[in-house]
Structures are given as C-alpha cells and as structure tokens.
Amino acid sequence: LYGRARSEIHLKNFTHEQSRTFLIEGF
C-alpha cells in the first residue's frame, strides 16, 4: 500500500470549552 493516495481524518479530545458545551447541552 506504499505511496497510495489516501485521505486522513484526525479526531482529537475536546477542548475545555467543547467539553463544557457537550456536557451542558447533553444534560
């Protein structure tokens, strides 16, 4: 598979503000 074109999507942990929004909106 070396050299094959590919797309990559990288997921990271939430930031402090994203975590806050996630919890508040979820509740």
PDB file of all heavy atoms in Angstrom:
ATOM      1  N   LEU A   1       0.804  -1.218   0.000  1.00  0.00           N
ATOM      2  CA  LEU A   1       0.000   0.000   0.000  1.00  0.00           C
ATOM      3  C   LEU A   1       0.839   1.271   0.000  1.00  0.00           C
ATOM      4  O   LEU A   1       0.290   2.375   0.054  1.00  0.00           O
ATOM      5  CB  LEU A   1      -0.928   0.011   1.221  1.00  0.00           C
ATOM      6  CG  LEU A   1      -2.212  -0.813   1.101  1.00  0.00           C
ATOM      7  CD1 LEU A   1      -2.837  -1.024   2.468  1.00  0.00           C
ATOM      8  CD2 LEU A   1      -3.193  -0.157   0.161  1.00  0.00           C
ATOM      9  N   TYR A   2       2.145   1.126  -0.076  1.00  0.00           N
ATOM     10  CA  TYR A   2       3.027   2.300  -0.018  1.00  0.00           C
ATOM     11  C   TYR A   2       2.752   3.237  -1.191  1.00  0.00           C
ATOM     12  O   TYR A   2       2.621   2.811  -2.338  1.00  0.00           O
ATOM     13  CB  TYR A   2       4.490   1.876  -0.036  1.00  0.00           C
ATOM     14  CG  TYR A   2       5.461   3.037  -0.016  1.00  0.00           C
ATOM     15  CD1 TYR A   2       5.714   3.721   1.162  1.00  0.00           C
ATOM     16  CD2 TYR A   2       6.104   3.459  -1.183  1.00  0.00           C
ATOM     17  CE1 TYR A   2       6.606   4.794   1.192  1.00  0.00           C
ATOM     18  CE2 TYR A   2       6.998   4.527  -1.159  1.00  0.00           C
ATOM     19  CZ  TYR A   2       7.235   5.194   0.032  1.00  0.00           C
ATOM     20  OH  TYR A   2       8.098   6.255   0.061  1.00  0.00           O
ATOM     21  N   GLY A   3       2.667   4.521  -0.877  1.00  0.00           N
ATOM     22  CA  GLY A   3       2.502   5.522  -1.922  1.00  0.00           C
ATOM     23  C   GLY A   3       1.091   5.699  -2.425  1.00  0.00           C
ATOM     24  O   GLY A   3       0.843   6.563  -3.273  1.00  0.00           O
ATOM     25  N   ARG A   4       0.137   4.908  -1.920  1.00  0.00           N
ATOM     26  CA  ARG A   4      -1.251   5.074  -2.358  1.00  0.00           C
ATOM     27  C   ARG A   4      -1.834   6.349  -1.762  1.00  0.00           C
ATOM     28  O   ARG A   4      -1.646   6.646  -0.582  1.00  0.00           O
ATOM     29  CB  ARG A   4      -2.118   3.878  -1.938  1.00  0.00           C
ATOM     30  CG  ARG A   4      -1.664   2.516  -2.423  1.00  0.00           C
ATOM     31  CD  ARG A   4      -1.616   2.443  -3.957  1.00  0.00           C
ATOM     32  NE  ARG A   4      -1.542   1.078  -4.448  1.00  0.00           N
ATOM     33  CZ  ARG A   4      -0.433   0.352  -4.513  1.00  0.00           C
ATOM     34  NH1 ARG A   4       0.711   0.861  -4.080  1.00  0.00           N
ATOM     35  NH2 ARG A   4      -0.448  -0.875  -4.991  1.00  0.00           N
ATOM     36  N   ALA A   5      -2.535   7.107  -2.579  1.00  0.00           N
ATOM     37  CA  ALA A   5      -3.188   8.326  -2.091  1.00  0.00           C
ATOM     38  C   ALA A   5      -4.266   7.948  -1.073  1.00  0.00           C
ATOM     39  O   ALA A   5      -4.964   6.948  -1.241  1.00  0.00           O
ATOM     40  CB  ALA A   5      -3.803   9.089  -3.257  1.00  0.00           C
ATOM     41  N   ARG A   6      -4.380   8.740  -0.050  1.00  0.00           N
ATOM     42  CA  ARG A   6      -5.369   8.465   0.983  1.00  0.00           C
ATOM     43  C   ARG A   6      -5.823   9.779   1.612  1.00  0.00           C
ATOM     44  O   ARG A   6      -5.129  10.784   1.565  1.00  0.00           O
ATOM     45  CB  ARG A   6      -4.794   7.553   2.076  1.00  0.00           C
ATOM     46  CG  ARG A   6      -3.652   8.181   2.851  1.00  0.00           C
ATOM     47  CD  ARG A   6      -3.029   7.216   3.846  1.00  0.00           C
ATOM     48  NE  ARG A   6      -2.023   7.882   4.669  1.00  0.00           N
ATOM     49  CZ  ARG A   6      -0.754   8.030   4.306  1.00  0.00           C
ATOM     50  NH1 ARG A   6      -0.335   7.530   3.159  1.00  0.00           N
ATOM     51  NH2 ARG A   6       0.090   8.663   5.113  1.00  0.00           N
ATOM     52  N   SER A   7      -7.003   9.737   2.196  1.00  0.00           N
ATOM     53  CA  SER A   7      -7.494  10.865   2.992  1.00  0.00           C
ATOM     54  C   SER A   7      -7.415  10.472   4.464  1.00  0.00           C
ATOM     55  O   SER A   7      -7.676   9.320   4.815  1.00  0.00           O
ATOM     56  CB  SER A   7      -8.942  11.197   2.630  1.00  0.00           C
ATOM     57  OG  SER A   7      -9.039  11.650   1.302  1.00  0.00           O
ATOM     58  N   GLU A   8      -7.061  11.426   5.302  1.00  0.00           N
ATOM     59  CA  GLU A   8      -6.981  11.167   6.738  1.00  0.00           C
ATOM     60  C   GLU A   8      -7.833  12.168   7.495  1.00  0.00           C
ATOM     61  O   GLU A   8      -7.762  13.371   7.236  1.00  0.00           O
ATOM     62  CB  GLU A   8      -5.528  11.254   7.225  1.00  0.00           C
ATOM     63  CG  GLU A   8      -4.629  10.172   6.665  1.00  0.00           C
ATOM     64  CD  GLU A   8      -3.261  10.138   7.337  1.00  0.00           C
ATOM     65  OE1 GLU A   8      -3.069  10.876   8.330  1.00  0.00           O
ATOM     66  OE2 GLU A   8      -2.387   9.363   6.875  1.00  0.00           O
ATOM     67  N   ILE A   9      -8.625  11.649   8.422  1.00  0.00           N
ATOM     68  CA  ILE A   9      -9.402  12.487   9.328  1.00  0.00           C
ATOM     69  C   ILE A   9      -8.899  12.209  10.736  1.00  0.00           C
ATOM     70  O   ILE A   9      -8.925  11.054  11.192  1.00  0.00           O
ATOM     71  CB  ILE A   9     -10.912  12.211   9.231  1.00  0.00           C
ATOM     72  CG1 ILE A   9     -11.463  12.657   7.869  1.00  0.00           C
ATOM     73  CG2 ILE A   9     -11.662  12.941  10.329  1.00  0.00           C
ATOM     74  CD1 ILE A   9     -11.500  11.601   6.831  1.00  0.00           C
ATOM     75  N   HIS A  10      -8.399  13.228  11.409  1.00  0.00           N
ATOM     76  CA  HIS A  10      -7.835  13.073  12.747  1.00  0.00           C
ATOM     77  C   HIS A  10      -8.806  13.632  13.785  1.00  0.00           C
ATOM     78  O   HIS A  10      -9.221  14.792  13.693  1.00  0.00           O
ATOM     79  CB  HIS A  10      -6.492  13.799  12.850  1.00  0.00           C
ATOM     80  CG  HIS A  10      -5.401  13.168  12.043  1.00  0.00           C
ATOM     81  ND1 HIS A  10      -4.440  12.354  12.592  1.00  0.00           N
ATOM     82  CD2 HIS A  10      -5.132  13.223  10.716  1.00  0.00           C
ATOM     83  CE1 HIS A  10      -3.619  11.937  11.641  1.00  0.00           C
ATOM     84  NE2 HIS A  10      -4.011  12.452  10.500  1.00  0.00           N
ATOM     85  N   LEU A  11      -9.173  12.809  14.754  1.00  0.00           N
ATOM     86  CA  LEU A  11     -10.038  13.240  15.841  1.00  0.00           C
ATOM     87  C   LEU A  11      -9.206  13.452  17.101  1.00  0.00           C
ATOM     88  O   LEU A  11      -8.370  12.621  17.442  1.00  0.00           O
ATOM     89  CB  LEU A  11     -11.132  12.200  16.128  1.00  0.00           C
ATOM     90  CG  LEU A  11     -12.400  12.294  15.276  1.00  0.00           C
ATOM     91  CD1 LEU A  11     -12.090  12.015  13.815  1.00  0.00           C
ATOM     92  CD2 LEU A  11     -13.462  11.333  15.784  1.00  0.00           C
ATOM     93  N   LYS A  12      -9.438  14.555  17.765  1.00  0.00           N
ATOM     94  CA  LYS A  12      -8.730  14.870  18.999  1.00  0.00           C
ATOM     95  C   LYS A  12      -9.717  14.948  20.159  1.00  0.00           C
ATOM     96  O   LYS A  12     -10.933  15.012  19.957  1.00  0.00           O
ATOM     97  CB  LYS A  12      -7.987  16.196  18.856  1.00  0.00           C
ATOM     98  CG  LYS A  12      -6.902  16.187  17.783  1.00  0.00           C
ATOM     99  CD  LYS A  12      -6.205  17.532  17.705  1.00  0.00           C
ATOM    100  CE  LYS A  12      -5.119  17.516  16.638  1.00  0.00           C
ATOM    101  NZ  LYS A  12      -4.425  18.823  16.524  1.00  0.00           N
ATOM    102  N   ASN A  13      -9.186  14.940  21.376  1.00  0.00           N
ATOM    103  CA  ASN A  13     -10.029  15.164  22.538  1.00  0.00           C
ATOM    104  C   ASN A  13     -10.642  16.554  22.470  1.00  0.00           C
ATOM    105  O   ASN A  13     -10.108  17.467  21.838  1.00  0.00           O
ATOM    106  CB  ASN A  13      -9.213  15.030  23.830  1.00  0.00           C
ATOM    107  CG  ASN A  13      -8.775  13.607  24.100  1.00  0.00           C
ATOM    108  OD1 ASN A  13      -9.334  12.656  23.555  1.00  0.00           O
ATOM    109  ND2 ASN A  13      -7.755  13.444  24.928  1.00  0.00           N
ATOM    110  N   PHE A  14     -11.775  16.722  23.143  1.00  0.00           N
ATOM    111  CA  PHE A  14     -12.408  18.030  23.200  1.00  0.00           C
ATOM    112  C   PHE A  14     -11.527  19.024  23.951  1.00  0.00           C
ATOM    113  O   PHE A  14     -10.809  18.663  24.892  1.00  0.00           O
ATOM    114  CB  PHE A  14     -13.750  17.945  23.917  1.00  0.00           C
ATOM    115  CG  PHE A  14     -14.867  17.375  23.075  1.00  0.00           C
ATOM    116  CD1 PHE A  14     -16.052  16.969  23.681  1.00  0.00           C
ATOM    117  CD2 PHE A  14     -14.758  17.256  21.699  1.00  0.00           C
ATOM    118  CE1 PHE A  14     -17.090  16.456  22.935  1.00  0.00           C
ATOM    119  CE2 PHE A  14     -15.802  16.735  20.943  1.00  0.00           C
ATOM    120  CZ  PHE A  14     -16.969  16.332  21.561  1.00  0.00           C
ATOM    121  N   THR A  15     -11.601  20.271  23.549  1.00  0.00           N
ATOM    122  CA  THR A  15     -11.011  21.341  24.340  1.00  0.00           C
ATOM    123  C   THR A  15     -11.854  21.547  25.599  1.00  0.00           C
ATOM    124  O   THR A  15     -12.948  20.979  25.746  1.00  0.00           O
ATOM    125  CB  THR A  15     -10.980  22.648  23.551  1.00  0.00           C
ATOM    126  OG1 THR A  15     -12.338  23.051  23.276  1.00  0.00           O
ATOM    127  CG2 THR A  15     -10.216  22.483  22.233  1.00  0.00           C
ATOM    128  N   HIS A  16     -11.358  22.384  26.497  1.00  0.00           N
ATOM    129  CA  HIS A  16     -12.107  22.684  27.722  1.00  0.00           C
ATOM    130  C   HIS A  16     -13.490  23.239  27.373  1.00  0.00           C
ATOM    131  O   HIS A  16     -14.511  22.810  27.941  1.00  0.00           O
ATOM    132  CB  HIS A  16     -11.331  23.689  28.564  1.00  0.00           C
ATOM    133  CG  HIS A  16     -11.930  23.955  29.907  1.00  0.00           C
ATOM    134  ND1 HIS A  16     -13.016  24.800  30.087  1.00  0.00           N
ATOM    135  CD2 HIS A  16     -11.614  23.487  31.155  1.00  0.00           C
ATOM    136  CE1 HIS A  16     -13.340  24.852  31.363  1.00  0.00           C
ATOM    137  NE2 HIS A  16     -12.497  24.057  32.029  1.00  0.00           N
ATOM    138  N   GLU A  17     -13.558  24.165  26.440  1.00  0.00           N
ATOM    139  CA  GLU A  17     -14.836  24.789  26.087  1.00  0.00           C
ATOM    140  C   GLU A  17     -15.757  23.810  25.373  1.00  0.00           C
ATOM    141  O   GLU A  17     -16.977  23.804  25.598  1.00  0.00           O
ATOM    142  CB  GLU A  17     -14.599  26.027  25.205  1.00  0.00           C
ATOM    143  CG  GLU A  17     -15.839  26.884  25.013  1.00  0.00           C
ATOM    144  CD  GLU A  17     -16.463  27.338  26.326  1.00  0.00           C
ATOM    145  OE1 GLU A  17     -15.717  27.652  27.276  1.00  0.00           O
ATOM    146  OE2 GLU A  17     -17.721  27.369  26.406  1.00  0.00           O
ATOM    147  N   GLN A  18     -15.197  22.963  24.502  1.00  0.00           N
ATOM    148  CA  GLN A  18     -16.011  21.947  23.826  1.00  0.00           C
ATOM    149  C   GLN A  18     -16.583  20.956  24.835  1.00  0.00           C
ATOM    150  O   GLN A  18     -17.750  20.546  24.732  1.00  0.00           O
ATOM    151  CB  GLN A  18     -15.174  21.208  22.782  1.00  0.00           C
ATOM    152  CG  GLN A  18     -14.894  22.003  21.531  1.00  0.00           C
ATOM    153  CD  GLN A  18     -13.977  21.259  20.577  1.00  0.00           C
ATOM    154  OE1 GLN A  18     -13.052  20.555  20.996  1.00  0.00           O
ATOM    155  NE2 GLN A  18     -14.212  21.401  19.283  1.00  0.00           N
ATOM    156  N   SER A  19     -15.769  20.555  25.819  1.00  0.00           N
ATOM    157  CA  SER A  19     -16.238  19.632  26.856  1.00  0.00           C
ATOM    158  C   SER A  19     -17.386  20.260  27.644  1.00  0.00           C
ATOM    159  O   SER A  19     -18.388  19.604  27.937  1.00  0.00           O
ATOM    160  CB  SER A  19     -15.093  19.277  27.806  1.00  0.00           C
ATOM    161  OG  SER A  19     -14.050  18.626  27.129  1.00  0.00           O
ATOM    162  N   ARG A  20     -17.225  21.520  27.982  1.00  0.00           N
ATOM    163  CA  ARG A  20     -18.253  22.233  28.747  1.00  0.00           C
ATOM    164  C   ARG A  20     -19.564  22.293  27.956  1.00  0.00           C
ATOM    165  O   ARG A  20     -20.636  21.992  28.493  1.00  0.00           O
ATOM    166  CB  ARG A  20     -17.749  23.646  29.061  1.00  0.00           C
ATOM    167  CG  ARG A  20     -18.700  24.470  29.899  1.00  0.00           C
ATOM    168  CD  ARG A  20     -18.118  25.847  30.201  1.00  0.00           C
ATOM    169  NE  ARG A  20     -19.050  26.624  30.985  1.00  0.00           N
ATOM    170  CZ  ARG A  20     -19.201  26.507  32.288  1.00  0.00           C
ATOM    171  NH1 ARG A  20     -18.465  25.643  32.964  1.00  0.00           N
ATOM    172  NH2 ARG A  20     -20.086  27.250  32.927  1.00  0.00           N
ATOM    173  N   THR A  21     -19.460  22.658  26.689  1.00  0.00           N
ATOM    174  CA  THR A  21     -20.661  22.739  25.851  1.00  0.00           C
ATOM    175  C   THR A  21     -21.319  21.378  25.698  1.00  0.00           C
ATOM    176  O   THR A  21     -22.546  21.252  25.772  1.00  0.00           O
ATOM    177  CB  THR A  21     -20.293  23.300  24.461  1.00  0.00           C
ATOM    178  OG1 THR A  21     -19.664  24.568  24.618  1.00  0.00           O
ATOM    179  CG2 THR A  21     -21.531  23.457  23.589  1.00  0.00           C
ATOM    180  N   PHE A  22     -20.493  20.346  25.491  1.00  0.00           N
ATOM    181  CA  PHE A  22     -21.013  18.983  25.333  1.00  0.00           C
ATOM    182  C   PHE A  22     -21.816  18.554  26.552  1.00  0.00           C
ATOM    183  O   PHE A  22     -22.931  18.022  26.436  1.00  0.00           O
ATOM    184  CB  PHE A  22     -19.844  18.028  25.093  1.00  0.00           C
ATOM    185  CG  PHE A  22     -20.247  16.575  24.975  1.00  0.00           C
ATOM    186  CD1 PHE A  22     -20.728  16.071  23.776  1.00  0.00           C
ATOM    187  CD2 PHE A  22     -20.141  15.710  26.058  1.00  0.00           C
ATOM    188  CE1 PHE A  22     -21.094  14.741  23.657  1.00  0.00           C
ATOM    189  CE2 PHE A  22     -20.503  14.382  25.950  1.00  0.00           C
ATOM    190  CZ  PHE A  22     -20.982  13.896  24.745  1.00  0.00           C
ATOM    191  N   LEU A  23     -21.279  18.784  27.748  1.00  0.00           N
ATOM    192  CA  LEU A  23     -21.971  18.378  28.964  1.00  0.00           C
ATOM    193  C   LEU A  23     -23.236  19.199  29.196  1.00  0.00           C
ATOM    194  O   LEU A  23     -24.307  18.640  29.491  1.00  0.00           O
ATOM    195  CB  LEU A  23     -21.032  18.500  30.166  1.00  0.00           C
ATOM    196  CG  LEU A  23     -19.906  17.460  30.256  1.00  0.00           C
ATOM    197  CD1 LEU A  23     -18.976  17.791  31.415  1.00  0.00           C
ATOM    198  CD2 LEU A  23     -20.457  16.049  30.395  1.00  0.00           C
ATOM    199  N   ILE A  24     -23.129  20.496  29.052  1.00  0.00           N
ATOM    200  CA  ILE A  24     -24.295  21.360  29.321  1.00  0.00           C
ATOM    201  C   ILE A  24     -25.426  21.054  28.349  1.00  0.00           C
ATOM    202  O   ILE A  24     -26.592  20.876  28.760  1.00  0.00           O
ATOM    203  CB  ILE A  24     -23.887  22.846  29.244  1.00  0.00           C
ATOM    204  CG1 ILE A  24     -22.984  23.200  30.426  1.00  0.00           C
ATOM    205  CG2 ILE A  24     -25.130  23.742  29.238  1.00  0.00           C
ATOM    206  CD1 ILE A  24     -22.388  24.598  30.360  1.00  0.00           C
ATOM    207  N   GLU A  25     -25.114  20.988  27.055  1.00  0.00           N
ATOM    208  CA  GLU A  25     -26.150  20.705  26.064  1.00  0.00           C
ATOM    209  C   GLU A  25     -26.706  19.297  26.225  1.00  0.00           C
ATOM    210  O   GLU A  25     -27.895  19.059  26.010  1.00  0.00           O
ATOM    211  CB  GLU A  25     -25.588  20.893  24.647  1.00  0.00           C
ATOM    212  CG  GLU A  25     -25.210  22.323  24.310  1.00  0.00           C
ATOM    213  CD  GLU A  25     -26.413  23.262  24.386  1.00  0.00           C
ATOM    214  OE1 GLU A  25     -27.510  22.844  23.961  1.00  0.00           O
ATOM    215  OE2 GLU A  25     -26.239  24.402  24.865  1.00  0.00           O
ATOM    216  N   GLY A  26     -25.842  18.353  26.590  1.00  0.00           N
ATOM    217  CA  GLY A  26     -26.311  16.996  26.809  1.00  0.00           C
ATOM    218  C   GLY A  26     -27.284  16.900  27.961  1.00  0.00           C
ATOM    219  O   GLY A  26     -28.352  16.274  27.857  1.00  0.00           O
ATOM    220  N   PHE A  27     -26.961  17.538  29.077  1.00  0.00           N
ATOM    221  CA  PHE A  27     -27.852  17.500  30.236  1.00  0.00           C
ATOM    222  C   PHE A  27     -29.173  18.205  29.956  1.00  0.00           C
ATOM    223  O   PHE A  27     -30.218  17.813  30.493  1.00  0.00           O
ATOM    224  CB  PHE A  27     -27.157  18.119  31.454  1.00  0.00           C
ATOM    225  CG  PHE A  27     -26.194  17.196  32.133  1.00  0.00           C
ATOM    226  CD1 PHE A  27     -24.841  17.506  32.224  1.00  0.00           C
ATOM    227  CD2 PHE A  27     -26.639  16.000  32.687  1.00  0.00           C
ATOM    228  CE1 PHE A  27     -23.955  16.645  32.852  1.00  0.00           C
ATOM    229  CE2 PHE A  27     -25.751  15.127  33.317  1.00  0.00           C
ATOM    230  CZ  PHE A  27     -24.408  15.450  33.394  1.00  0.00           C
TER     231      PHE A  27
END
